[in-house]
N, C-alpha and C. Protein backbone atom coordinates (compact mmCIF):
# COMPACT_ATOMS: atom_id res chain seq x y z
N UNK A 1 -66.10 -78.94 72.12
CA UNK A 1 -65.96 -78.40 73.45
C UNK A 1 -64.80 -77.41 73.45
N UNK A 2 -64.97 -76.34 74.18
CA UNK A 2 -63.94 -75.30 74.22
C UNK A 2 -63.07 -75.39 75.45
N UNK A 3 -62.27 -74.37 75.62
CA UNK A 3 -61.39 -74.28 76.77
C UNK A 3 -62.15 -73.76 77.98
N UNK A 4 -61.72 -74.16 79.16
CA UNK A 4 -62.25 -73.60 80.39
C UNK A 4 -61.38 -72.42 80.79
N UNK A 5 -62.02 -71.27 80.92
CA UNK A 5 -61.30 -70.07 81.35
C UNK A 5 -62.15 -69.33 82.36
N UNK A 6 -61.53 -68.43 83.08
CA UNK A 6 -62.25 -67.59 84.02
C UNK A 6 -62.32 -66.19 83.46
N UNK A 7 -63.52 -65.62 83.45
CA UNK A 7 -63.75 -64.29 82.92
C UNK A 7 -64.55 -63.51 83.95
N UNK A 8 -64.20 -62.25 84.13
CA UNK A 8 -64.95 -61.38 85.04
C UNK A 8 -65.78 -60.44 84.17
N UNK A 9 -67.11 -60.48 84.37
CA UNK A 9 -68.03 -59.66 83.59
C UNK A 9 -68.68 -58.60 84.48
N UNK A 10 -69.01 -57.48 83.87
CA UNK A 10 -69.77 -56.46 84.59
C UNK A 10 -71.15 -57.00 84.90
N UNK A 11 -71.69 -56.59 86.03
CA UNK A 11 -73.00 -57.07 86.46
C UNK A 11 -74.08 -56.78 85.43
N UNK A 12 -74.04 -55.60 84.82
CA UNK A 12 -75.07 -55.25 83.83
C UNK A 12 -75.00 -56.15 82.61
N UNK A 13 -73.81 -56.60 82.24
CA UNK A 13 -73.68 -57.50 81.10
C UNK A 13 -74.21 -58.89 81.45
N UNK A 14 -73.94 -59.33 82.67
CA UNK A 14 -74.46 -60.63 83.11
C UNK A 14 -75.98 -60.62 83.10
N UNK A 15 -76.58 -59.53 83.58
CA UNK A 15 -78.04 -59.43 83.61
C UNK A 15 -78.62 -59.50 82.20
N UNK A 16 -78.00 -58.81 81.26
CA UNK A 16 -78.48 -58.83 79.88
C UNK A 16 -78.34 -60.23 79.28
N UNK A 17 -77.23 -60.89 79.56
CA UNK A 17 -77.03 -62.24 79.06
C UNK A 17 -78.03 -63.21 79.67
N UNK A 18 -78.32 -63.06 80.95
CA UNK A 18 -79.31 -63.91 81.62
C UNK A 18 -80.70 -63.69 81.03
N UNK A 19 -81.02 -62.45 80.66
CA UNK A 19 -82.32 -62.18 80.02
C UNK A 19 -82.40 -62.85 78.65
N UNK A 20 -81.31 -62.79 77.90
CA UNK A 20 -81.27 -63.48 76.61
C UNK A 20 -81.44 -64.98 76.82
N UNK A 21 -80.75 -65.51 77.81
CA UNK A 21 -80.84 -66.94 78.12
C UNK A 21 -82.28 -67.32 78.48
N UNK A 22 -82.93 -66.50 79.29
CA UNK A 22 -84.31 -66.78 79.70
C UNK A 22 -85.24 -66.83 78.49
N UNK A 23 -85.07 -65.90 77.56
CA UNK A 23 -85.90 -65.89 76.34
C UNK A 23 -85.64 -67.14 75.50
N UNK A 24 -84.38 -67.54 75.42
CA UNK A 24 -84.04 -68.73 74.64
C UNK A 24 -84.59 -69.99 75.29
N UNK A 25 -84.57 -70.05 76.60
CA UNK A 25 -85.10 -71.22 77.32
C UNK A 25 -86.59 -71.36 77.08
N UNK A 26 -87.31 -70.23 77.04
CA UNK A 26 -88.76 -70.26 76.82
C UNK A 26 -89.12 -70.79 75.44
N UNK A 27 -88.25 -70.55 74.46
CA UNK A 27 -88.59 -70.95 73.09
C UNK A 27 -87.92 -72.24 72.66
N UNK A 28 -87.10 -72.83 73.52
CA UNK A 28 -86.36 -74.03 73.15
C UNK A 28 -86.84 -75.24 73.95
N UNK A 29 -86.78 -76.40 73.33
CA UNK A 29 -87.13 -77.63 74.04
C UNK A 29 -85.90 -78.23 74.72
N UNK A 30 -84.71 -77.71 74.38
CA UNK A 30 -83.46 -78.18 74.97
C UNK A 30 -82.98 -77.20 76.03
N UNK A 31 -82.03 -77.63 76.83
CA UNK A 31 -81.45 -76.72 77.82
C UNK A 31 -80.56 -75.70 77.11
N UNK A 32 -80.45 -74.53 77.69
CA UNK A 32 -79.63 -73.46 77.12
C UNK A 32 -78.67 -72.99 78.21
N UNK A 33 -77.40 -73.27 78.03
CA UNK A 33 -76.42 -72.91 79.06
C UNK A 33 -76.01 -71.45 78.91
N UNK A 34 -75.53 -70.91 80.02
CA UNK A 34 -75.01 -69.54 80.02
C UNK A 34 -73.83 -69.44 79.06
N UNK A 35 -72.98 -70.45 79.04
CA UNK A 35 -71.82 -70.45 78.14
C UNK A 35 -72.25 -70.41 76.68
N UNK A 36 -73.29 -71.14 76.36
CA UNK A 36 -73.81 -71.15 74.98
C UNK A 36 -74.27 -69.74 74.58
N UNK A 37 -75.02 -69.10 75.46
CA UNK A 37 -75.51 -67.75 75.19
C UNK A 37 -74.34 -66.79 75.03
N UNK A 38 -73.39 -66.87 75.94
CA UNK A 38 -72.22 -65.99 75.88
C UNK A 38 -71.46 -66.18 74.58
N UNK A 39 -71.27 -67.43 74.15
CA UNK A 39 -70.55 -67.69 72.90
C UNK A 39 -71.32 -67.19 71.69
N UNK A 40 -72.65 -67.29 71.69
CA UNK A 40 -73.44 -66.76 70.58
C UNK A 40 -73.31 -65.25 70.48
N UNK A 41 -73.45 -64.58 71.60
CA UNK A 41 -73.36 -63.12 71.62
C UNK A 41 -71.96 -62.66 71.23
N UNK A 42 -70.96 -63.35 71.73
CA UNK A 42 -69.57 -63.01 71.41
C UNK A 42 -69.29 -63.23 69.92
N UNK A 43 -69.79 -64.30 69.37
CA UNK A 43 -69.59 -64.59 67.94
C UNK A 43 -70.20 -63.49 67.07
N UNK A 44 -71.41 -63.07 67.43
CA UNK A 44 -72.06 -62.00 66.67
C UNK A 44 -71.29 -60.69 66.79
N UNK A 45 -70.81 -60.40 67.98
CA UNK A 45 -70.06 -59.17 68.20
C UNK A 45 -68.73 -59.17 67.47
N UNK A 46 -68.07 -60.31 67.40
CA UNK A 46 -66.77 -60.40 66.74
C UNK A 46 -66.86 -60.28 65.22
N UNK A 47 -68.05 -60.51 64.66
CA UNK A 47 -68.20 -60.39 63.21
C UNK A 47 -67.96 -58.97 62.74
N UNK A 48 -68.10 -57.99 63.65
CA UNK A 48 -67.89 -56.59 63.30
C UNK A 48 -66.43 -56.27 63.09
N UNK A 49 -65.55 -57.07 63.68
CA UNK A 49 -64.12 -56.79 63.64
C UNK A 49 -63.42 -57.71 62.65
N UNK A 50 -62.63 -57.12 61.79
CA UNK A 50 -61.87 -57.90 60.83
C UNK A 50 -60.44 -58.01 61.34
N UNK A 51 -59.92 -59.23 61.32
CA UNK A 51 -58.54 -59.41 61.79
C UNK A 51 -57.63 -59.81 60.67
């Protein structure tokens, strides 16, 4: 389990994330939370950056 934080997202990003979530829900037998989708997308995006 991660930390609880508050994040403000642009509306267009929320819509894209919700669309990804909807596709994942259709193909999964388990529930798919918005936080799960956000963390997956963020993890993939962060792989581009080396720290």
